[in-house]
Amino acid sequence: MKGFIDFIREQGVIGLAVGFILGGAITSLVKAFIADIISPLLAIGMSNLSTLTEAYIQIGSAKIMWGSFINDLINFLVMAFIVYFGVKILKLDKLDKKKDG
């Protein structure tokens, strides 16, 4: 049992698990923010759209869903911003310590 506990401490498994859970929660929060607030605000200037994700270009029988792509791009940029500044503010980039020996 001691070896298992040492492994968890050395490898940061608990921190990884907490980060994974918080990452999932933040992801759903950001997706909701983009879908429910940002996307409808951006669609205000477009005719007959309630959200940005509905914007498309029809080429023959194909629909190019450019609004959905822009929505996902905004979602990615917001998540990258949060992760970058979260790591910098919490100084997590300096948390990793090399194992002695």
C-alpha atoms as a PDB file:
ATOM      1  CA  MET A   1       0.000   0.000   0.000  1.00  0.00           C
ATOM      2  CA  LYS A   2       2.872   2.378   0.768  1.00  0.00           C
ATOM      3  CA  GLY A   3       4.227   1.929  -2.757  1.00  0.00           C
ATOM      4  CA  PHE A   4       0.839   2.825  -4.226  1.00  0.00           C
ATOM      5  CA  ILE A   5       0.540   5.957  -2.069  1.00  0.00           C
ATOM      6  CA  ASP A   6       4.100   6.984  -2.997  1.00  0.00           C
ATOM      7  CA  PHE A   7       3.233   6.494  -6.680  1.00  0.00           C
ATOM      8  CA  ILE A   8       0.165   8.718  -6.342  1.00  0.00           C
ATOM      9  CA  ARG A   9       2.184  11.416  -4.579  1.00  0.00           C
ATOM     10  CA  GLU A  10       5.098  11.315  -7.031  1.00  0.00           C
ATOM     11  CA  GLN A  11       3.013  11.211 -10.191  1.00  0.00           C
ATOM     12  CA  GLY A  12       0.456  13.781  -9.077  1.00  0.00           C
ATOM     13  CA  VAL A  13      -2.481  11.494  -9.828  1.00  0.00           C
ATOM     14  CA  ILE A  14      -4.785  13.333  -7.411  1.00  0.00           C
ATOM     15  CA  GLY A  15      -3.955  16.683  -8.993  1.00  0.00           C
ATOM     16  CA  LEU A  16      -4.517  15.188 -12.419  1.00  0.00           C
ATOM     17  CA  ALA A  17      -7.915  13.828 -11.375  1.00  0.00           C
ATOM     18  CA  VAL A  18      -8.958  17.157  -9.856  1.00  0.00           C
ATOM     19  CA  GLY A  19      -7.765  18.983 -12.968  1.00  0.00           C
ATOM     20  CA  PHE A  20      -9.712  16.582 -15.180  1.00  0.00           C
ATOM     21  CA  ILE A  21     -12.930  17.099 -13.204  1.00  0.00           C
ATOM     22  CA  LEU A  22     -12.532  20.893 -13.094  1.00  0.00           C
ATOM     23  CA  GLY A  23     -11.648  20.933 -16.787  1.00  0.00           C
ATOM     24  CA  GLY A  24     -14.896  19.150 -17.606  1.00  0.00           C
ATOM     25  CA  ALA A  25     -16.896  21.556 -15.476  1.00  0.00           C
ATOM     26  CA  ILE A  26     -15.232  24.609 -16.996  1.00  0.00           C
ATOM     27  CA  THR A  27     -15.722  23.210 -20.502  1.00  0.00           C
ATOM     28  CA  SER A  28     -19.478  22.847 -20.014  1.00  0.00           C
ATOM     29  CA  LEU A  29     -19.657  26.313 -18.462  1.00  0.00           C
ATOM     30  CA  VAL A  30     -17.779  27.909 -21.373  1.00  0.00           C
ATOM     31  CA  LYS A  31     -19.887  26.016 -23.943  1.00  0.00           C
ATOM     32  CA  ALA A  32     -23.062  27.264 -22.257  1.00  0.00           C
ATOM     33  CA  PHE A  33     -21.706  30.836 -22.134  1.00  0.00           C
ATOM     34  CA  ILE A  34     -20.827  30.771 -25.832  1.00  0.00           C
ATOM     35  CA  ALA A  35     -24.060  29.035 -26.934  1.00  0.00           C
ATOM     36  CA  ASP A  36     -26.468  30.987 -24.716  1.00  0.00           C
ATOM     37  CA  ILE A  37     -24.928  34.465 -24.621  1.00  0.00           C
ATOM     38  CA  ILE A  38     -22.199  35.081 -27.218  1.00  0.00           C
ATOM     39  CA  SER A  39     -23.741  33.237 -30.168  1.00  0.00           C
ATOM     40  CA  PRO A  40     -27.172  34.924 -29.914  1.00  0.00           C
ATOM     41  CA  LEU A  41     -25.494  38.328 -29.550  1.00  0.00           C
ATOM     42  CA  LEU A  42     -23.434  37.740 -32.692  1.00  0.00           C
ATOM     43  CA  ALA A  43     -26.567  36.575 -34.560  1.00  0.00           C
ATOM     44  CA  ILE A  44     -28.414  39.845 -33.842  1.00  0.00           C
ATOM     45  CA  GLY A  45     -26.878  41.481 -36.902  1.00  0.00           C
ATOM     46  CA  MET A  46     -27.779  38.563 -39.174  1.00  0.00           C
ATOM     47  CA  SER A  47     -31.239  38.261 -40.657  1.00  0.00           C
ATOM     48  CA  ASN A  48     -33.524  35.400 -39.584  1.00  0.00           C
ATOM     49  CA  LEU A  49     -31.006  33.770 -37.211  1.00  0.00           C
ATOM     50  CA  SER A  50     -31.494  33.184 -33.521  1.00  0.00           C
ATOM     51  CA  THR A  51     -27.948  31.891 -32.945  1.00  0.00           C
ATOM     52  CA  LEU A  52     -24.687  31.975 -34.854  1.00  0.00           C
ATOM     53  CA  THR A  53     -24.665  28.182 -35.233  1.00  0.00           C
ATOM     54  CA  GLU A  54     -27.587  28.419 -37.675  1.00  0.00           C
ATOM     55  CA  ALA A  55     -25.552  30.413 -40.234  1.00  0.00           C
ATOM     56  CA  TYR A  56     -24.654  28.462 -43.352  1.00  0.00           C
ATOM     57  CA  ILE A  57     -23.915  28.755 -47.064  1.00  0.00           C
ATOM     58  CA  GLN A  58     -25.846  26.503 -49.435  1.00  0.00           C
ATOM     59  CA  ILE A  59     -23.729  25.085 -52.289  1.00  0.00           C
ATOM     60  CA  GLY A  60     -25.787  22.655 -54.317  1.00  0.00           C
ATOM     61  CA  SER A  61     -27.156  20.097 -51.884  1.00  0.00           C
ATOM     62  CA  ALA A  62     -24.379  20.740 -49.346  1.00  0.00           C
ATOM     63  CA  LYS A  63     -24.677  23.112 -46.391  1.00  0.00           C
ATOM     64  CA  ILE A  64     -21.440  24.736 -45.276  1.00  0.00           C
ATOM     65  CA  MET A  65     -22.102  25.396 -41.572  1.00  0.00           C
ATOM     66  CA  TRP A  66     -19.706  28.298 -41.148  1.00  0.00           C
ATOM     67  CA  GLY A  67     -21.614  29.651 -38.139  1.00  0.00           C
ATOM     68  CA  SER A  68     -21.146  26.415 -36.233  1.00  0.00           C
ATOM     69  CA  PHE A  69     -17.435  26.494 -37.054  1.00  0.00           C
ATOM     70  CA  ILE A  70     -17.091  30.092 -35.828  1.00  0.00           C
ATOM     71  CA  ASN A  71     -18.995  29.153 -32.660  1.00  0.00           C
ATOM     72  CA  ASP A  72     -16.584  26.260 -31.989  1.00  0.00           C
ATOM     73  CA  LEU A  73     -13.588  28.482 -32.782  1.00  0.00           C
ATOM     74  CA  ILE A  74     -14.765  31.049 -30.215  1.00  0.00           C
ATOM     75  CA  ASN A  75     -15.289  28.224 -27.732  1.00  0.00           C
ATOM     76  CA  PHE A  76     -11.729  26.995 -28.308  1.00  0.00           C
ATOM     77  CA  LEU A  77     -10.217  30.469 -27.955  1.00  0.00           C
ATOM     78  CA  VAL A  78     -12.053  31.127 -24.687  1.00  0.00           C
ATOM     79  CA  MET A  79     -10.967  27.723 -23.293  1.00  0.00           C
ATOM     80  CA  ALA A  80      -7.345  28.334 -24.357  1.00  0.00           C
ATOM     81  CA  PHE A  81      -7.461  31.773 -22.702  1.00  0.00           C
ATOM     82  CA  ILE A  82      -8.817  30.294 -19.461  1.00  0.00           C
ATOM     83  CA  VAL A  83      -6.258  27.473 -19.385  1.00  0.00           C
ATOM     84  CA  TYR A  84      -3.331  29.771 -20.179  1.00  0.00           C
ATOM     85  CA  PHE A  85      -4.161  32.367 -17.566  1.00  0.00           C
ATOM     86  CA  GLY A  86      -5.293  29.736 -15.063  1.00  0.00           C
ATOM     87  CA  VAL A  87      -1.872  28.097 -15.258  1.00  0.00           C
ATOM     88  CA  LYS A  88      -0.067  31.454 -15.048  1.00  0.00           C
ATOM     89  CA  ILE A  89      -2.146  32.893 -12.188  1.00  0.00           C
ATOM     90  CA  LEU A  90      -2.010  29.717 -10.104  1.00  0.00           C
ATOM     91  CA  LYS A  91       1.673  29.272 -11.009  1.00  0.00           C
ATOM     92  CA  LEU A  92       1.012  25.665 -12.004  1.00  0.00           C
ATOM     93  CA  ASP A  93       3.815  25.839 -14.566  1.00  0.00           C
ATOM     94  CA  LYS A  94       6.289  25.911 -11.660  1.00  0.00           C
ATOM     95  CA  LEU A  95       4.575  23.088  -9.755  1.00  0.00           C
ATOM     96  CA  ASP A  96       6.301  20.184 -11.470  1.00  0.00           C
ATOM     97  CA  LYS A  97       9.302  19.047  -9.486  1.00  0.00           C
ATOM     98  CA  LYS A  98      11.896  16.631 -10.785  1.00  0.00           C
ATOM     99  CA  LYS A  99      12.132  13.370  -8.903  1.00  0.00           C
ATOM    100  CA  ASP A 100      15.406  13.178  -6.935  1.00  0.00           C
ATOM    101  CA  GLY A 101      17.623  10.185  -7.535  1.00  0.00           C
END
